[in-house]
Every structure is written in C-alpha cells, then in structure tokens.
Amino acid sequence: MTKTGHFVTLEGIDGAGKTVQSKLLAERLKAEGIPLVVTREPGGGSGGGPIRDLLTGELTGTYSNETEILLFTADRRNHLDSLIGPALAEGKLVICDRFVDSTRIYQGLGRPQLRRLIDRLHQAVIGLEPDMTFIVDLPVEVAVKRIRTRSGSDRRFEQFGKEISALRDGFRRLADEFPNRCRIVDGTMPPEHLAEELYRMTGSLIS
C-alpha cells in the first residue's frame, strides 16, 4: 500500500468518550480544510455491517476467542481495502474509533498465546499500525456510570463489568509497549478541553 496520508486512532475502555472525541477532532480539522475520513471498528469498511452485527449483537459470547480474532481481522482487512487504504493513498487523514489495539486488549489480555496470534495475523494480513494513537483514559467508576446512563450502546463492550479495571490497565500498558505512537489523554477533562488537546497533538503529526 502506498501511504501518503496519516492514520490516527482512538482507544480505551468503553465509556471513555472516544466516539465523541473523534467527531470533535474531525470537525475542527475539516473547518481548516484538512481532507480526512472518520471511521470506526468493527464494521467501518464497505459491507462491514454484517460482521459488526456478529461481533456486537445477539450472538456475542457464542464464539471462541480464536473465532472472534479471525472475525475482527477479516473485518479489519475489509476496512483497510475499502476505506483506510484508499484514503491514506490519497493523502487524507484517517481518524478511526478503535483498531487493532482494541483486539489486543479485549481478546488478548491475559492470554499470551492469543496475543501472539493477534499480532501474527495483524502482521500477515493487515501490516499497518497507526501513526498516532490516543488512549482516552478515565477511572473505572466514571466509565461504568457513563455506560449505565446511555442507551443504544453495543452489548459487546458493556459485558465486561468486573474486568474493566484490567482492561484499563491493559490499554495503559500499550503506551509503554508502543511509546512512539501512543499518547495517554485524560478522559475526565471537559470534552471541549480534551478536544483541544487532541487537536494540538494531531496538528503536530500532520504539520
């Protein structure tokens, strides 16, 4: 893939505010005439809806860990082929709500053999890491409160309850594992203040 654009991802536990921040960041950059695409995983690519339904709908929890990893990877390859790759080749900025780091944490946390499988598949089938990843971090009790007060959220990322603290720690450790691209940001900040911080850091990447 010929890549001339930039790839930014937002990660973190459910309730962190990634979706809101990706939209605010895109609005600010679009206003400045920056060509960009905003997307999400799973299901961000053309025809990706059915795979998203499998991973977040009524069948959630019925697949083995290995099957889920394969489904996420297939969805990600479709996403790369149909949207992310072409946008990057055109020199656009791609902002994505969740990417492979979510699979590394949700499917691979505490399971070294599965984490190795995720990384091998990603290298062989995807071969792309973000240029910058914002890990939106906040206390578990705040995240749980946000999840409980909103409607229509995906079941897939609401069922972890007792594990959410471990998931938060896992995302934070990613910043140590990938220090060149990962930035931990404070998800308890007022949304407009956090948006300004993300805008500043993204600007340093694309300038």
C-alpha atoms as a PDB file:
ATOM      1  CA  MET A   1       0.000   0.000   0.000  1.00  0.00           C
ATOM      2  CA  THR A   2       1.292   3.442  -0.942  1.00  0.00           C
ATOM      3  CA  LYS A   3       0.671   5.648   2.069  1.00  0.00           C
ATOM      4  CA  THR A   4       0.939   9.429   1.903  1.00  0.00           C
ATOM      5  CA  GLY A   5      -1.733  10.338   4.468  1.00  0.00           C
ATOM      6  CA  HIS A   6      -1.785   9.954   8.245  1.00  0.00           C
ATOM      7  CA  PHE A   7      -3.590   7.435  10.419  1.00  0.00           C
ATOM      8  CA  VAL A   8      -4.850   8.372  13.890  1.00  0.00           C
ATOM      9  CA  THR A   9      -6.755   6.019  16.208  1.00  0.00           C
ATOM     10  CA  LEU A  10      -8.615   6.484  19.489  1.00  0.00           C
ATOM     11  CA  GLU A  11      -8.604   3.662  22.023  1.00  0.00           C
ATOM     12  CA  GLY A  12      -9.701   2.998  25.579  1.00  0.00           C
ATOM     13  CA  ILE A  13     -12.331   1.284  27.661  1.00  0.00           C
ATOM     14  CA  ASP A  14     -15.999   1.681  26.801  1.00  0.00           C
ATOM     15  CA  GLY A  15     -17.404   4.934  28.135  1.00  0.00           C
ATOM     16  CA  ALA A  16     -14.141   6.824  27.653  1.00  0.00           C
ATOM     17  CA  GLY A  17     -15.640   9.167  25.073  1.00  0.00           C
ATOM     18  CA  LYS A  18     -13.665   8.070  22.018  1.00  0.00           C
ATOM     19  CA  THR A  19     -16.558   8.450  19.580  1.00  0.00           C
ATOM     20  CA  VAL A  20     -17.358  11.995  20.707  1.00  0.00           C
ATOM     21  CA  GLN A  21     -13.705  12.988  20.540  1.00  0.00           C
ATOM     22  CA  SER A  22     -13.185  11.530  17.084  1.00  0.00           C
ATOM     23  CA  LYS A  23     -16.115  13.605  15.816  1.00  0.00           C
ATOM     24  CA  LEU A  24     -14.938  16.798  17.541  1.00  0.00           C
ATOM     25  CA  LEU A  25     -11.431  16.333  16.172  1.00  0.00           C
ATOM     26  CA  ALA A  26     -12.752  15.773  12.667  1.00  0.00           C
ATOM     27  CA  GLU A  27     -14.985  18.851  12.829  1.00  0.00           C
ATOM     28  CA  ARG A  28     -12.078  21.060  13.890  1.00  0.00           C
ATOM     29  CA  LEU A  29      -9.753  19.765  11.189  1.00  0.00           C
ATOM     30  CA  LYS A  30     -12.404  19.883   8.456  1.00  0.00           C
ATOM     31  CA  ALA A  31     -13.006  23.518   9.286  1.00  0.00           C
ATOM     32  CA  GLU A  32      -9.364  24.113   8.421  1.00  0.00           C
ATOM     33  CA  GLY A  33      -9.702  22.338   5.097  1.00  0.00           C
ATOM     34  CA  ILE A  34      -7.842  19.167   6.105  1.00  0.00           C
ATOM     35  CA  PRO A  35      -9.015  16.258   3.894  1.00  0.00           C
ATOM     36  CA  LEU A  36      -9.994  13.418   6.189  1.00  0.00           C
ATOM     37  CA  VAL A  37     -12.129  10.366   6.807  1.00  0.00           C
ATOM     38  CA  VAL A  38     -13.735   9.401  10.130  1.00  0.00           C
ATOM     39  CA  THR A  39     -14.473   5.735  10.707  1.00  0.00           C
ATOM     40  CA  ARG A  40     -14.775   3.063  13.375  1.00  0.00           C
ATOM     41  CA  GLU A  41     -14.312  -0.618  14.088  1.00  0.00           C
ATOM     42  CA  PRO A  42     -15.785  -3.087  13.827  1.00  0.00           C
ATOM     43  CA  GLY A  43     -17.843  -2.570  10.676  1.00  0.00           C
ATOM     44  CA  GLY A  44     -16.213   0.552   9.263  1.00  0.00           C
ATOM     45  CA  GLY A  45     -15.498  -0.746   5.787  1.00  0.00           C
ATOM     46  CA  SER A  46     -17.842  -1.201   2.857  1.00  0.00           C
ATOM     47  CA  GLY A  47     -20.150  -4.113   3.635  1.00  0.00           C
ATOM     48  CA  GLY A  48     -18.747  -4.408   7.161  1.00  0.00           C
ATOM     49  CA  GLY A  49     -22.117  -4.116   8.882  1.00  0.00           C
ATOM     50  CA  PRO A  50     -22.885  -7.852   8.961  1.00  0.00           C
ATOM     51  CA  ILE A  51     -19.530  -8.627  10.616  1.00  0.00           C
ATOM     52  CA  ARG A  52     -20.158  -5.889  13.184  1.00  0.00           C
ATOM     53  CA  ASP A  53     -23.546  -7.454  13.909  1.00  0.00           C
ATOM     54  CA  LEU A  54     -21.884 -10.809  14.539  1.00  0.00           C
ATOM     55  CA  LEU A  55     -19.394  -9.267  16.956  1.00  0.00           C
ATOM     56  CA  THR A  56     -21.667  -6.874  18.852  1.00  0.00           C
ATOM     57  CA  GLY A  57     -25.187  -8.298  18.519  1.00  0.00           C
ATOM     58  CA  GLU A  58     -27.229 -11.168  19.880  1.00  0.00           C
ATOM     59  CA  LEU A  59     -24.546 -13.767  19.146  1.00  0.00           C
ATOM     60  CA  THR A  60     -21.982 -12.000  21.336  1.00  0.00           C
ATOM     61  CA  GLY A  61     -20.199 -14.510  23.523  1.00  0.00           C
ATOM     62  CA  THR A  62     -21.098 -17.559  21.446  1.00  0.00           C
ATOM     63  CA  TYR A  63     -17.841 -17.668  19.502  1.00  0.00           C
ATOM     64  CA  SER A  64     -14.482 -18.927  20.702  1.00  0.00           C
ATOM     65  CA  ASN A  65     -11.719 -16.392  21.286  1.00  0.00           C
ATOM     66  CA  GLU A  66      -9.940 -17.614  18.177  1.00  0.00           C
ATOM     67  CA  THR A  67     -13.065 -17.217  16.071  1.00  0.00           C
ATOM     68  CA  GLU A  68     -13.572 -13.670  17.338  1.00  0.00           C
ATOM     69  CA  ILE A  69      -9.967 -12.810  16.486  1.00  0.00           C
ATOM     70  CA  LEU A  70     -10.451 -14.136  12.960  1.00  0.00           C
ATOM     71  CA  LEU A  71     -13.685 -12.160  12.562  1.00  0.00           C
ATOM     72  CA  PHE A  72     -12.075  -8.940  13.777  1.00  0.00           C
ATOM     73  CA  THR A  73      -9.123  -9.480  11.457  1.00  0.00           C
ATOM     74  CA  ALA A  74     -11.371 -10.190   8.468  1.00  0.00           C
ATOM     75  CA  ASP A  75     -13.380  -7.056   9.231  1.00  0.00           C
ATOM     76  CA  ARG A  76     -10.158  -5.049   9.570  1.00  0.00           C
ATOM     77  CA  ARG A  77      -8.835  -6.295   6.231  1.00  0.00           C
ATOM     78  CA  ASN A  78     -12.078  -5.278   4.553  1.00  0.00           C
ATOM     79  CA  HIS A  79     -11.837  -1.914   6.300  1.00  0.00           C
ATOM     80  CA  LEU A  80      -8.262  -1.482   5.047  1.00  0.00           C
ATOM     81  CA  ASP A  81      -9.124  -2.449   1.469  1.00  0.00           C
ATOM     82  CA  SER A  82     -12.320  -0.454   1.104  1.00  0.00           C
ATOM     83  CA  LEU A  83     -11.699   2.704   3.123  1.00  0.00           C
ATOM     84  CA  ILE A  84      -8.496   3.183   5.138  1.00  0.00           C
ATOM     85  CA  GLY A  85      -6.024   2.188   2.424  1.00  0.00           C
ATOM     86  CA  PRO A  86      -7.546   4.281  -0.379  1.00  0.00           C
ATOM     87  CA  ALA A  87      -7.894   7.316   1.908  1.00  0.00           C
ATOM     88  CA  LEU A  88      -4.258   7.112   3.018  1.00  0.00           C
ATOM     89  CA  ALA A  89      -3.128   6.642  -0.576  1.00  0.00           C
ATOM     90  CA  GLU A  90      -4.970   9.862  -1.459  1.00  0.00           C
ATOM     91  CA  GLY A  91      -3.083  11.730   1.246  1.00  0.00           C
ATOM     92  CA  LYS A  92      -6.034  12.032   3.632  1.00  0.00           C
ATOM     93  CA  LEU A  93      -6.030  11.905   7.408  1.00  0.00           C
ATOM     94  CA  VAL A  94      -7.905   8.853   8.701  1.00  0.00           C
ATOM     95  CA  ILE A  95      -9.396   9.059  12.210  1.00  0.00           C
ATOM     96  CA  CYS A  96     -10.573   5.673  13.489  1.00  0.00           C
ATOM     97  CA  ASP A  97     -12.515   4.840  16.663  1.00  0.00           C
ATOM     98  CA  ARG A  98     -10.830   1.531  17.670  1.00  0.00           C
ATOM     99  CA  PHE A  99      -8.363  -0.524  15.631  1.00  0.00           C
ATOM    100  CA  VAL A 100      -6.086  -3.485  16.339  1.00  0.00           C
ATOM    101  CA  ASP A 101      -5.194  -2.274  19.844  1.00  0.00           C
ATOM    102  CA  SER A 102      -8.754  -2.999  20.959  1.00  0.00           C
ATOM    103  CA  THR A 103      -8.390  -6.570  19.741  1.00  0.00           C
ATOM    104  CA  ARG A 104      -5.035  -6.838  21.506  1.00  0.00           C
ATOM    105  CA  ILE A 105      -6.709  -5.840  24.763  1.00  0.00           C
ATOM    106  CA  TYR A 106     -10.242  -7.268  24.603  1.00  0.00           C
ATOM    107  CA  GLN A 107      -9.262 -10.613  23.079  1.00  0.00           C
ATOM    108  CA  GLY A 108      -5.593 -10.882  24.060  1.00  0.00           C
ATOM    109  CA  LEU A 109      -5.350  -9.502  27.594  1.00  0.00           C
ATOM    110  CA  GLY A 110      -4.002 -12.120  29.979  1.00  0.00           C
ATOM    111  CA  ARG A 111      -3.849 -14.731  27.205  1.00  0.00           C
ATOM    112  CA  PRO A 112      -0.277 -14.702  25.816  1.00  0.00           C
ATOM    113  CA  GLN A 113      -0.985 -17.338  23.164  1.00  0.00           C
ATOM    114  CA  LEU A 114      -3.951 -15.330  21.846  1.00  0.00           C
ATOM    115  CA  ARG A 115      -1.988 -12.080  21.898  1.00  0.00           C
ATOM    116  CA  ARG A 116       0.694 -13.745  19.791  1.00  0.00           C
ATOM    117  CA  LEU A 117      -1.990 -14.960  17.379  1.00  0.00           C
ATOM    118  CA  ILE A 118      -3.439 -11.435  17.105  1.00  0.00           C
ATOM    119  CA  ASP A 119      -0.040  -9.937  16.345  1.00  0.00           C
ATOM    120  CA  ARG A 120       0.893 -12.626  13.811  1.00  0.00           C
ATOM    121  CA  LEU A 121      -2.396 -12.226  11.961  1.00  0.00           C
ATOM    122  CA  HIS A 122      -2.119  -8.454  12.042  1.00  0.00           C
ATOM    123  CA  GLN A 123       1.369  -8.507  10.591  1.00  0.00           C
ATOM    124  CA  ALA A 124       0.458 -11.027   7.905  1.00  0.00           C
ATOM    125  CA  VAL A 125      -2.991  -9.740   6.893  1.00  0.00           C
ATOM    126  CA  ILE A 126      -3.068  -6.037   7.794  1.00  0.00           C
ATOM    127  CA  GLY A 127       0.517  -4.799   8.044  1.00  0.00           C
ATOM    128  CA  LEU A 128      -0.448  -1.302   9.197  1.00  0.00           C
ATOM    129  CA  GLU A 129      -0.062   0.398  12.572  1.00  0.00           C
ATOM    130  CA  PRO A 130      -1.423   3.888  13.331  1.00  0.00           C
ATOM    131  CA  ASP A 131       0.862   6.891  13.165  1.00  0.00           C
ATOM    132  CA  MET A 132      -0.620   8.128  16.443  1.00  0.00           C
ATOM    133  CA  THR A 133      -2.935   6.514  18.973  1.00  0.00           C
ATOM    134  CA  PHE A 134      -4.796   8.436  21.661  1.00  0.00           C
ATOM    135  CA  ILE A 135      -5.610   6.228  24.644  1.00  0.00           C
ATOM    136  CA  VAL A 136      -8.505   8.005  26.334  1.00  0.00           C
ATOM    137  CA  ASP A 137      -8.119   7.066  29.991  1.00  0.00           C
ATOM    138  CA  LEU A 138     -10.501   7.569  32.895  1.00  0.00           C
ATOM    139  CA  PRO A 139     -11.358   5.926  36.232  1.00  0.00           C
ATOM    140  CA  VAL A 140     -13.411   2.761  36.014  1.00  0.00           C
ATOM    141  CA  GLU A 141     -16.248   4.155  38.131  1.00  0.00           C
ATOM    142  CA  VAL A 142     -16.643   7.078  35.752  1.00  0.00           C
ATOM    143  CA  ALA A 143     -16.731   4.767  32.733  1.00  0.00           C
ATOM    144  CA  VAL A 144     -19.320   2.489  34.357  1.00  0.00           C
ATOM    145  CA  LYS A 145     -21.530   5.456  35.205  1.00  0.00           C
ATOM    146  CA  ARG A 146     -21.386   6.693  31.616  1.00  0.00           C
ATOM    147  CA  ILE A 147     -22.223   3.257  30.240  1.00  0.00           C
ATOM    148  CA  ARG A 148     -25.220   2.861  32.529  1.00  0.00           C
ATOM    149  CA  THR A 149     -26.678   6.253  31.674  1.00  0.00           C
ATOM    150  CA  ARG A 150     -26.532   5.994  27.908  1.00  0.00           C
ATOM    151  CA  SER A 151     -28.801   3.981  25.633  1.00  0.00           C
ATOM    152  CA  GLY A 152     -28.169   2.029  22.470  1.00  0.00           C
ATOM    153  CA  SER A 153     -24.563   1.120  23.227  1.00  0.00           C
ATOM    154  CA  ASP A 154     -23.069  -2.085  21.865  1.00  0.00           C
ATOM    155  CA  ARG A 155     -23.530  -5.088  24.111  1.00  0.00           C
ATOM    156  CA  ARG A 156     -20.122  -6.424  23.133  1.00  0.00           C
ATOM    157  CA  PHE A 157     -18.305  -3.717  25.063  1.00  0.00           C
ATOM    158  CA  GLU A 158     -20.682  -3.470  28.015  1.00  0.00           C
ATOM    159  CA  GLN A 159     -20.486  -7.006  29.362  1.00  0.00           C
ATOM    160  CA  PHE A 160     -17.039  -6.883  30.923  1.00  0.00           C
ATOM    161  CA  GLY A 161     -18.088  -5.469  34.323  1.00  0.00           C
ATOM    162  CA  LYS A 162     -15.504  -6.911  36.703  1.00  0.00           C
ATOM    163  CA  GLU A 163     -12.823  -6.963  34.006  1.00  0.00           C
ATOM    164  CA  ILE A 164     -12.994  -3.280  33.124  1.00  0.00           C
ATOM    165  CA  SER A 165     -10.224  -2.317  35.542  1.00  0.00           C
ATOM    166  CA  ALA A 166      -7.907  -4.892  33.968  1.00  0.00           C
ATOM    167  CA  LEU A 167      -8.839  -3.604  30.534  1.00  0.00           C
ATOM    168  CA  ARG A 168      -7.979  -0.063  31.566  1.00  0.00           C
ATOM    169  CA  ASP A 169      -4.598  -1.234  32.850  1.00  0.00           C
ATOM    170  CA  GLY A 170      -4.057  -3.113  29.592  1.00  0.00           C
ATOM    171  CA  PHE A 171      -4.642  -0.026  27.494  1.00  0.00           C
ATOM    172  CA  ARG A 172      -2.287   1.970  29.694  1.00  0.00           C
ATOM    173  CA  ARG A 173       0.427  -0.650  29.229  1.00  0.00           C
ATOM    174  CA  LEU A 174       0.090  -0.254  25.479  1.00  0.00           C
ATOM    175  CA  ALA A 175       1.593   3.205  25.900  1.00  0.00           C
ATOM    176  CA  ASP A 176       4.716   1.543  27.287  1.00  0.00           C
ATOM    177  CA  GLU A 177       4.713  -1.112  24.581  1.00  0.00           C
ATOM    178  CA  PHE A 178       4.290   1.375  21.724  1.00  0.00           C
ATOM    179  CA  PRO A 179       5.767   4.625  23.100  1.00  0.00           C
ATOM    180  CA  ASN A 180       6.421   6.147  19.681  1.00  0.00           C
ATOM    181  CA  ARG A 181       2.744   6.331  18.750  1.00  0.00           C
ATOM    182  CA  CYS A 182       0.627   6.022  21.908  1.00  0.00           C
ATOM    183  CA  ARG A 183      -0.412   9.033  23.970  1.00  0.00           C
ATOM    184  CA  ILE A 184      -2.485   8.686  27.152  1.00  0.00           C
ATOM    185  CA  VAL A 185      -5.011  11.510  27.493  1.00  0.00           C
ATOM    186  CA  ASP A 186      -7.305  12.374  30.395  1.00  0.00           C
ATOM    187  CA  GLY A 187     -10.857  11.320  29.599  1.00  0.00           C
ATOM    188  CA  THR A 188     -12.236  13.164  32.646  1.00  0.00           C
ATOM    189  CA  MET A 189     -11.427  16.544  31.087  1.00  0.00           C
ATOM    190  CA  PRO A 190     -14.360  18.587  29.774  1.00  0.00           C
ATOM    191  CA  PRO A 191     -14.952  17.364  26.201  1.00  0.00           C
ATOM    192  CA  GLU A 192     -14.056  20.688  24.630  1.00  0.00           C
ATOM    193  CA  HIS A 193     -10.760  20.850  26.549  1.00  0.00           C
ATOM    194  CA  LEU A 194      -9.805  17.312  25.612  1.00  0.00           C
ATOM    195  CA  ALA A 195     -10.748  18.032  22.002  1.00  0.00           C
ATOM    196  CA  GLU A 196      -8.342  20.964  22.015  1.00  0.00           C
ATOM    197  CA  GLU A 197      -5.566  18.722  23.338  1.00  0.00           C
ATOM    198  CA  LEU A 198      -6.167  16.093  20.656  1.00  0.00           C
ATOM    199  CA  TYR A 199      -6.290  18.787  18.002  1.00  0.00           C
ATOM    200  CA  ARG A 200      -2.931  20.141  19.150  1.00  0.00           C
ATOM    201  CA  MET A 201      -1.243  16.742  19.112  1.00  0.00           C
ATOM    202  CA  THR A 202      -2.757  15.771  15.766  1.00  0.00           C
ATOM    203  CA  GLY A 203      -1.577  19.071  14.343  1.00  0.00           C
ATOM    204  CA  SER A 204       1.990  18.232  15.331  1.00  0.00           C
ATOM    205  CA  LEU A 205       1.666  14.978  13.370  1.00  0.00           C
ATOM    206  CA  ILE A 206       0.280  16.392  10.129  1.00  0.00           C
ATOM    207  CA  SER A 207       2.115  19.724  10.019  1.00  0.00           C
END
